[in-house]
Amino acid sequence: MQSPKEMKPLNIWLLSPYHTGSHRAWAEGYQAHSRHSVRLLTMAGRFWKWRMQGGAVELANQAEAASVGPPPDLVLATDMTNLPAWLALARETLPEGTPTALYMHENQLTYPWRPGERPDLTYAMINWLSQLSADLVVFNSRFHRRSWFAELPNLLKHFPDYNHLELIERVKARSTVLPVGIELFPQTQRLEPSGAPLILWNQRWEYDKRPDRFFALLYRLDGAGHDFRLAVAGENFRKQPAEFEEAATRLKHRIVQWGFLPSRQDYLALLQKADLVISTADHEFYGISILEAVQAGAFPLLPSRLSYPELIPEPLHAACLYGDDEELFKMASMRLTMPRAAPPSLRRAVIERYSWPVAARAYDEQFSVLSRR
């Protein structure tokens, strides 16, 4: 039997209708590190509902244009793809029997809706129908896989009949977990802090990340007399929680960075200066921004739920994971009083499990097996 390295590289079409942020970083990261030939079929990352509803039409047109080259041995689509619609539209382009894999960055069933929005089951059903159409369903974390299949029966029971609950176990049986890779940073020696410890926010400026909790913690630390500096980076949008505007005023004397850093080099430089990276999120399917900060040396303080326990080796759970706001305040206070970088064992664990060379190899082997079925 041939080893994975001896096998002929596959031609993979990767469908990314919402090609921005973590979706884009994932697609381009895999393309850059895969031993296979990965061709990206993409659309601009905006209007997510329209991408799920109508993006299949544009991606089918791109597939037709791509068909002048080598045919795909496998199609890899993100969860923003309406996969059954695309397969129908591309039926004259796609070779018969081409295997398909669906990568679940997130899902529209357990993803929390914005305050004031009414849940729309349309998009969760697109996720489900896409999973039914795929030969392999890949989740980015065990937590994501577990929470999706736990809630899925409630979605299907919402409908009056013909809900085919028995299909859940079939799809679950052909699902797996492959984490998103992260780029390796130069492992330079961290400089001694030149000022007060630097607290970092590098997540999206969204309600589900609970900035109200994060800034409430900082106000309390500030009021208790703790000295710290604050860097708020991460992707922000036109509509953003009001807590950011308030914090920009109340914590003005602490702020050394405020806003998205479009330069990758500037972002990496900021990570390597950070002493603490804190999450107060209500929702997290994976946590790539946290892993990036930890790899750069920031000490993480994270909720002991969601995907976070998977990211941290169990021996370090007590030092890095908190149960409630009071415990977070105590742990943050200690870290500001006695700052330390992320332990070398934690940084090594992140690199050995989540760096792109490692992650891409796992993807390649999984997709090679799928293509041979």
Protein backbone atom coordinates (compact mmCIF):
# COMPACT_ATOMS: atom_id res chain seq x y z
CA MET A 1 0.00 0.00 0.00
CA GLN A 2 1.30 3.43 -0.92
CA SER A 3 2.14 5.90 1.81
CA PRO A 4 0.45 9.33 1.62
CA LYS A 5 3.73 10.85 0.32
CA GLU A 6 3.89 8.32 -2.54
CA MET A 7 0.34 8.94 -3.69
CA LYS A 8 -0.36 11.26 -6.57
CA PRO A 9 -1.39 14.73 -5.33
CA LEU A 10 -5.09 15.45 -5.68
CA ASN A 11 -6.68 18.33 -7.54
CA ILE A 12 -9.00 19.96 -5.00
CA TRP A 13 -11.56 22.66 -5.68
CA LEU A 14 -12.19 24.67 -2.54
CA LEU A 15 -15.50 26.59 -2.49
CA SER A 16 -15.40 29.69 -0.26
CA PRO A 17 -18.41 31.96 -0.88
CA TYR A 18 -17.69 34.12 2.20
CA HIS A 19 -13.99 34.65 1.61
CA THR A 20 -12.83 36.93 4.39
CA GLY A 21 -11.48 36.79 7.93
CA SER A 22 -10.96 33.30 9.33
CA HIS A 23 -12.57 31.67 6.27
CA ARG A 24 -10.01 33.27 3.98
CA ALA A 25 -7.09 32.56 6.33
CA TRP A 26 -8.16 28.91 6.51
CA ALA A 27 -8.55 28.49 2.74
CA GLU A 28 -5.30 30.23 1.85
CA GLY A 29 -3.45 28.55 4.71
CA TYR A 30 -4.48 25.11 3.53
CA GLN A 31 -3.70 25.99 -0.08
CA ALA A 32 -0.20 27.13 0.90
CA HIS A 33 0.66 24.10 3.04
CA SER A 34 -1.11 21.21 1.31
CA ARG A 35 0.76 18.64 -0.74
CA HIS A 36 -2.30 18.61 -2.97
CA SER A 37 -3.12 21.21 -5.62
CA VAL A 38 -5.85 23.39 -4.11
CA ARG A 39 -7.76 25.77 -6.39
CA LEU A 40 -9.86 28.43 -4.67
CA LEU A 41 -13.30 29.38 -6.02
CA THR A 42 -14.29 32.40 -3.95
CA MET A 43 -16.66 35.31 -3.48
CA ALA A 44 -16.23 38.51 -1.50
CA GLY A 45 -16.90 38.10 2.21
CA ARG A 46 -20.05 40.17 2.64
CA PHE A 47 -23.84 39.66 2.67
CA TRP A 48 -23.61 36.27 4.38
CA LYS A 49 -27.29 35.45 4.02
CA TRP A 50 -27.18 36.09 0.27
CA ARG A 51 -24.02 34.01 -0.01
CA MET A 52 -25.81 31.04 1.55
CA GLN A 53 -28.95 31.57 -0.51
CA GLY A 54 -27.51 32.45 -3.92
CA GLY A 55 -23.75 31.99 -3.86
CA ALA A 56 -24.02 28.56 -5.49
CA VAL A 57 -24.89 30.19 -8.81
CA GLU A 58 -21.68 32.25 -8.98
CA LEU A 59 -19.56 29.35 -7.71
CA ALA A 60 -21.06 27.06 -10.38
CA ASN A 61 -20.06 29.62 -13.02
CA GLN A 62 -16.54 29.69 -11.60
CA ALA A 63 -16.47 25.89 -11.64
CA GLU A 64 -17.37 25.90 -15.33
CA ALA A 65 -14.48 28.27 -16.02
CA ALA A 66 -12.15 26.11 -13.92
CA SER A 67 -13.14 22.98 -15.84
CA VAL A 68 -10.83 23.91 -18.73
CA GLY A 69 -8.03 22.68 -16.46
CA PRO A 70 -7.60 19.33 -14.69
CA PRO A 71 -10.87 18.02 -13.23
CA PRO A 72 -11.15 17.96 -9.46
CA ASP A 73 -10.49 14.76 -7.56
CA LEU A 74 -12.35 16.25 -4.57
CA VAL A 75 -14.49 19.28 -3.76
CA LEU A 76 -14.06 20.96 -0.38
CA ALA A 77 -16.75 23.50 0.54
CA THR A 78 -17.22 25.77 3.54
CA ASP A 79 -20.40 25.84 5.63
CA MET A 80 -21.46 29.05 3.85
CA THR A 81 -21.97 26.99 0.68
CA ASN A 82 -25.38 25.68 -0.33
CA LEU A 83 -23.76 22.43 -1.39
CA PRO A 84 -26.78 20.57 -2.86
CA ALA A 85 -27.64 23.63 -4.96
CA TRP A 86 -24.06 23.90 -6.18
CA LEU A 87 -23.87 20.19 -7.02
CA ALA A 88 -27.06 20.48 -9.07
CA LEU A 89 -25.83 23.56 -10.93
CA ALA A 90 -22.39 22.05 -11.55
CA ARG A 91 -23.63 18.61 -12.63
CA GLU A 92 -22.43 19.08 -16.23
CA THR A 93 -19.05 20.39 -15.07
CA LEU A 94 -18.20 18.02 -12.23
CA PRO A 95 -17.00 14.50 -13.09
CA GLU A 96 -19.47 11.88 -11.91
CA GLY A 97 -18.67 10.46 -8.50
CA THR A 98 -16.39 13.31 -7.38
CA PRO A 99 -16.26 13.12 -3.56
CA THR A 100 -17.24 16.17 -1.52
CA ALA A 101 -16.21 17.38 1.92
CA LEU A 102 -17.95 20.13 3.90
CA TYR A 103 -15.91 22.16 6.40
CA MET A 104 -17.93 23.56 9.29
CA HIS A 105 -16.29 26.77 10.50
CA GLU A 106 -19.58 27.59 12.21
CA ASN A 107 -23.23 26.70 11.87
CA GLN A 108 -26.42 28.72 11.77
CA LEU A 109 -28.24 26.56 14.32
CA THR A 110 -26.19 27.05 17.48
CA TYR A 111 -24.62 30.37 16.45
CA PRO A 112 -26.28 33.02 18.64
CA TRP A 113 -28.51 35.56 16.90
CA ARG A 114 -27.94 39.26 17.50
CA PRO A 115 -30.12 40.96 20.10
CA GLY A 116 -33.44 41.86 18.50
CA GLU A 117 -33.06 39.42 15.58
CA ARG A 118 -35.56 36.60 15.14
CA PRO A 119 -34.03 33.17 14.46
CA ASP A 120 -34.42 32.09 10.84
CA LEU A 121 -34.27 28.31 10.37
CA THR A 122 -33.59 28.72 6.64
CA TYR A 123 -29.84 28.91 7.11
CA ALA A 124 -29.60 26.05 9.59
CA MET A 125 -31.47 23.91 7.07
CA ILE A 126 -28.97 24.89 4.36
CA ASN A 127 -26.24 23.63 6.70
CA TRP A 128 -28.13 20.38 7.24
CA LEU A 129 -28.91 19.78 3.58
CA SER A 130 -25.26 20.48 2.75
CA GLN A 131 -24.17 17.90 5.32
CA LEU A 132 -26.57 15.36 3.81
CA SER A 133 -25.02 16.04 0.38
CA ALA A 134 -21.40 15.71 1.52
CA ASP A 135 -19.39 12.49 1.68
CA LEU A 136 -17.45 13.85 4.65
CA VAL A 137 -18.40 16.53 7.20
CA VAL A 138 -15.50 18.18 9.03
CA PHE A 139 -15.84 20.27 12.18
CA ASN A 140 -13.15 22.57 13.53
CA SER A 141 -13.52 21.37 17.15
CA ARG A 142 -15.05 18.54 19.15
CA PHE A 143 -17.22 21.09 20.94
CA HIS A 144 -18.62 22.29 17.61
CA ARG A 145 -19.38 18.76 16.44
CA ARG A 146 -20.97 17.81 19.77
CA SER A 147 -23.13 20.94 20.07
CA TRP A 148 -24.38 20.69 16.47
CA PHE A 149 -25.55 17.09 16.74
CA ALA A 150 -27.06 17.74 20.18
CA GLU A 151 -29.24 20.56 18.85
CA LEU A 152 -30.01 19.13 15.40
CA PRO A 153 -32.95 16.93 16.52
CA ASN A 154 -34.69 20.03 17.89
CA LEU A 155 -34.35 21.71 14.50
CA LEU A 156 -35.85 18.78 12.62
CA LYS A 157 -38.62 18.21 15.17
CA HIS A 158 -39.72 21.78 14.54
CA PHE A 159 -41.15 20.62 11.20
CA PRO A 160 -44.47 18.72 11.00
CA ASP A 161 -43.49 15.51 9.20
CA TYR A 162 -40.93 13.69 7.05
CA ASN A 163 -38.12 15.03 9.21
CA HIS A 164 -35.96 11.89 8.85
CA LEU A 165 -34.31 11.99 12.24
CA GLU A 166 -32.65 8.67 11.47
CA LEU A 167 -30.31 10.45 9.06
CA ILE A 168 -28.58 12.27 11.91
CA GLU A 169 -26.62 9.19 12.96
CA ARG A 170 -25.59 8.49 9.38
CA VAL A 171 -24.15 11.97 8.96
CA LYS A 172 -22.55 11.84 12.39
CA ALA A 173 -20.82 8.59 11.41
CA ARG A 174 -19.20 10.29 8.42
CA SER A 175 -18.10 13.37 10.34
CA THR A 176 -14.74 14.13 11.89
CA VAL A 177 -12.76 16.94 13.52
CA LEU A 178 -9.82 18.73 11.88
CA PRO A 179 -8.74 21.97 13.57
CA VAL A 180 -7.91 25.14 11.66
CA GLY A 181 -4.18 25.64 11.23
CA ILE A 182 -2.32 28.73 12.37
CA GLU A 183 0.72 30.32 10.80
CA LEU A 184 3.99 29.82 12.63
CA PHE A 185 5.48 33.02 14.02
CA PRO A 186 9.21 33.53 14.35
CA GLN A 187 10.02 32.21 17.83
CA THR A 188 12.03 35.22 18.92
CA GLN A 189 12.86 35.72 22.55
CA ARG A 190 10.28 37.89 24.25
CA LEU A 191 11.64 41.17 25.57
CA GLU A 192 11.27 42.13 29.18
CA PRO A 193 8.12 44.28 29.59
CA SER A 194 8.91 47.97 29.17
CA GLY A 195 5.84 49.06 31.09
CA ALA A 196 2.74 47.78 32.83
CA PRO A 197 1.42 44.37 31.69
CA LEU A 198 -0.38 44.55 28.34
CA ILE A 199 -3.90 43.07 28.16
CA LEU A 200 -5.00 42.07 24.66
CA TRP A 201 -8.40 41.79 22.95
CA ASN A 202 -7.87 40.35 19.45
CA GLN A 203 -11.32 38.88 18.75
CA ARG A 204 -14.14 40.15 16.56
CA TRP A 205 -15.99 43.21 17.85
CA GLU A 206 -19.24 41.30 18.17
CA TYR A 207 -21.90 40.81 20.83
CA ASP A 208 -21.27 37.05 21.16
CA LYS A 209 -17.72 37.72 22.35
CA ARG A 210 -19.30 39.62 25.28
CA PRO A 211 -17.27 42.84 25.28
CA ASP A 212 -19.54 44.02 28.12
CA ARG A 213 -17.98 41.39 30.39
CA PHE A 214 -14.49 42.11 29.17
CA PHE A 215 -14.67 45.84 29.77
CA ALA A 216 -16.50 45.38 33.08
CA LEU A 217 -13.48 43.33 34.18
CA LEU A 218 -11.09 46.08 33.09
CA TYR A 219 -13.10 48.79 34.85
CA ARG A 220 -12.95 46.70 38.03
CA LEU A 221 -9.21 46.09 37.68
CA ASP A 222 -8.67 49.79 37.04
CA GLY A 223 -10.77 50.72 40.06
CA ALA A 224 -8.85 48.29 42.25
CA GLY A 225 -5.60 50.09 41.43
CA HIS A 226 -4.03 47.50 39.13
CA ASP A 227 -1.64 48.94 36.57
CA PHE A 228 -2.03 47.68 33.02
CA ARG A 229 -2.01 48.74 29.38
CA LEU A 230 -4.73 47.81 26.89
CA ALA A 231 -4.58 46.80 23.23
CA VAL A 232 -7.89 46.29 21.42
CA ALA A 233 -7.41 44.82 17.95
CA GLY A 234 -9.58 42.32 16.07
CA GLU A 235 -11.96 42.71 13.16
CA ASN A 236 -14.61 45.38 13.62
CA PHE A 237 -17.71 46.23 11.61
CA ARG A 238 -19.96 49.19 10.92
CA LYS A 239 -22.40 47.91 13.52
CA GLN A 240 -20.52 47.21 16.70
CA PRO A 241 -21.52 46.85 20.35
CA ALA A 242 -21.83 50.17 22.18
CA GLU A 243 -19.44 48.93 24.88
CA PHE A 244 -16.45 49.69 22.63
CA GLU A 245 -17.30 53.38 22.33
CA GLU A 246 -17.73 53.69 26.08
CA ALA A 247 -14.48 51.84 26.80
CA ALA A 248 -12.51 54.03 24.39
CA THR A 249 -13.36 56.96 26.69
CA ARG A 250 -13.27 55.34 30.13
CA LEU A 251 -10.01 53.47 29.50
CA LYS A 252 -8.30 56.14 27.41
CA HIS A 253 -5.43 56.36 29.91
CA ARG A 254 -4.72 52.63 29.45
CA ILE A 255 -4.98 52.29 25.66
CA VAL A 256 -1.88 51.75 23.50
CA GLN A 257 -3.69 50.28 20.49
CA TRP A 258 -7.32 50.65 19.40
CA GLY A 259 -8.77 49.16 16.23
CA PHE A 260 -8.08 46.62 13.53
CA LEU A 261 -4.49 46.29 12.34
CA PRO A 262 -4.54 45.68 8.56
CA SER A 263 -0.81 44.95 8.48
CA ARG A 264 -0.02 41.35 9.39
CA GLN A 265 3.43 42.35 10.59
CA ASP A 266 2.01 45.01 12.90
CA TYR A 267 -0.48 42.49 14.26
CA LEU A 268 2.25 39.92 14.96
CA ALA A 269 4.37 42.57 16.65
CA LEU A 270 1.44 43.45 18.91
CA LEU A 271 0.87 39.79 19.84
CA GLN A 272 4.50 39.42 20.85
CA LYS A 273 4.16 42.38 23.24
CA ALA A 274 0.97 41.11 24.91
CA ASP A 275 1.15 39.68 28.42
CA LEU A 276 -2.47 38.58 28.84
CA VAL A 277 -5.07 37.52 26.30
CA ILE A 278 -8.55 37.25 27.81
CA SER A 279 -11.79 35.84 26.43
CA THR A 280 -15.20 36.47 27.96
CA ALA A 281 -17.10 34.95 25.04
CA ASP A 282 -20.52 33.35 25.18
CA HIS A 283 -19.84 31.71 21.85
CA GLU A 284 -16.73 30.17 20.34
CA PHE A 285 -16.60 27.23 17.94
CA TYR A 286 -12.80 27.25 17.78
CA GLY A 287 -10.61 30.22 18.87
CA ILE A 288 -7.91 30.93 16.29
CA SER A 289 -7.16 34.43 17.65
CA ILE A 290 -6.48 32.98 21.10
CA LEU A 291 -4.12 30.35 19.67
CA GLU A 292 -2.24 33.02 17.73
CA ALA A 293 -1.76 35.10 20.87
CA VAL A 294 -0.64 32.09 22.93
CA GLN A 295 1.86 31.03 20.27
CA ALA A 296 3.31 34.54 20.45
CA GLY A 297 3.66 34.20 24.23
CA ALA A 298 0.57 35.80 25.79
CA PHE A 299 -0.82 34.05 28.85
CA PRO A 300 -4.48 33.05 28.24
CA LEU A 301 -7.41 33.44 30.64
CA LEU A 302 -10.38 31.63 29.10
CA PRO A 303 -13.83 30.31 30.08
CA SER A 304 -13.84 26.66 31.17
CA ARG A 305 -16.44 25.84 28.51
CA LEU A 306 -17.14 26.09 24.75
CA SER A 307 -14.09 25.00 22.70
CA TYR A 308 -11.52 26.46 25.09
CA PRO A 309 -10.79 23.33 27.18
CA GLU A 310 -9.71 21.63 23.93
CA LEU A 311 -7.17 24.34 23.15
CA ILE A 312 -5.36 24.12 26.51
CA PRO A 313 -3.57 20.95 27.68
CA GLU A 314 -5.36 19.51 30.69
CA PRO A 315 -2.45 20.02 33.15
CA LEU A 316 -2.76 23.79 32.51
CA HIS A 317 -6.55 24.05 32.85
CA ALA A 318 -6.38 25.26 36.45
CA ALA A 319 -3.99 28.09 35.52
CA CYS A 320 -5.73 29.19 32.30
CA LEU A 321 -9.48 28.44 32.62
CA TYR A 322 -11.96 30.21 34.87
CA GLY A 323 -15.50 29.34 35.94
CA ASP A 324 -17.17 32.71 36.53
CA ASP A 325 -16.55 36.47 36.54
CA GLU A 326 -15.31 36.47 40.13
CA GLU A 327 -12.72 33.80 39.44
CA LEU A 328 -11.62 35.67 36.31
CA PHE A 329 -11.09 38.85 38.34
CA LYS A 330 -8.93 36.98 40.86
CA MET A 331 -6.88 35.27 38.15
CA ALA A 332 -6.41 38.51 36.19
CA SER A 333 -5.41 40.35 39.37
CA MET A 334 -2.77 37.71 40.08
CA ARG A 335 -1.41 37.84 36.54
CA LEU A 336 -1.13 41.63 36.69
CA THR A 337 0.66 41.43 40.03
CA MET A 338 2.93 38.57 38.92
CA PRO A 339 3.00 38.70 35.09
CA ARG A 340 4.40 35.74 33.20
CA ALA A 341 4.45 34.66 29.60
CA ALA A 342 2.58 31.61 28.36
CA PRO A 343 4.43 28.53 29.64
CA PRO A 344 6.84 26.99 27.10
CA SER A 345 4.89 23.73 27.34
CA LEU A 346 1.71 25.53 26.27
CA ARG A 347 3.39 27.27 23.35
CA ARG A 348 4.91 23.95 22.23
CA ALA A 349 1.53 22.22 22.48
CA VAL A 350 -0.09 24.89 20.27
CA ILE A 351 2.64 24.61 17.65
CA GLU A 352 2.72 20.80 17.67
CA ARG A 353 -1.03 20.47 17.26
CA TYR A 354 -2.28 23.57 15.45
CA SER A 355 0.49 24.87 13.18
CA TRP A 356 -0.39 24.68 9.49
CA PRO A 357 2.28 22.12 8.56
CA VAL A 358 0.71 19.74 11.09
CA ALA A 359 -2.92 20.60 10.32
CA ALA A 360 -2.46 20.45 6.53
CA ARG A 361 -0.88 17.00 6.77
CA ALA A 362 -3.94 15.72 8.64
CA TYR A 363 -6.25 17.29 6.01
CA ASP A 364 -4.22 15.80 3.16
CA GLU A 365 -4.35 12.30 4.59
CA GLN A 366 -8.08 12.52 5.30
CA PHE A 367 -8.87 13.76 1.78
CA SER A 368 -6.60 11.15 0.17
CA VAL A 369 -8.54 8.44 1.96
CA LEU A 370 -11.85 9.99 0.91
CA SER A 371 -10.78 10.21 -2.73
CA ARG A 372 -9.95 6.48 -2.79
CA ARG A 373 -13.35 5.33 -1.55
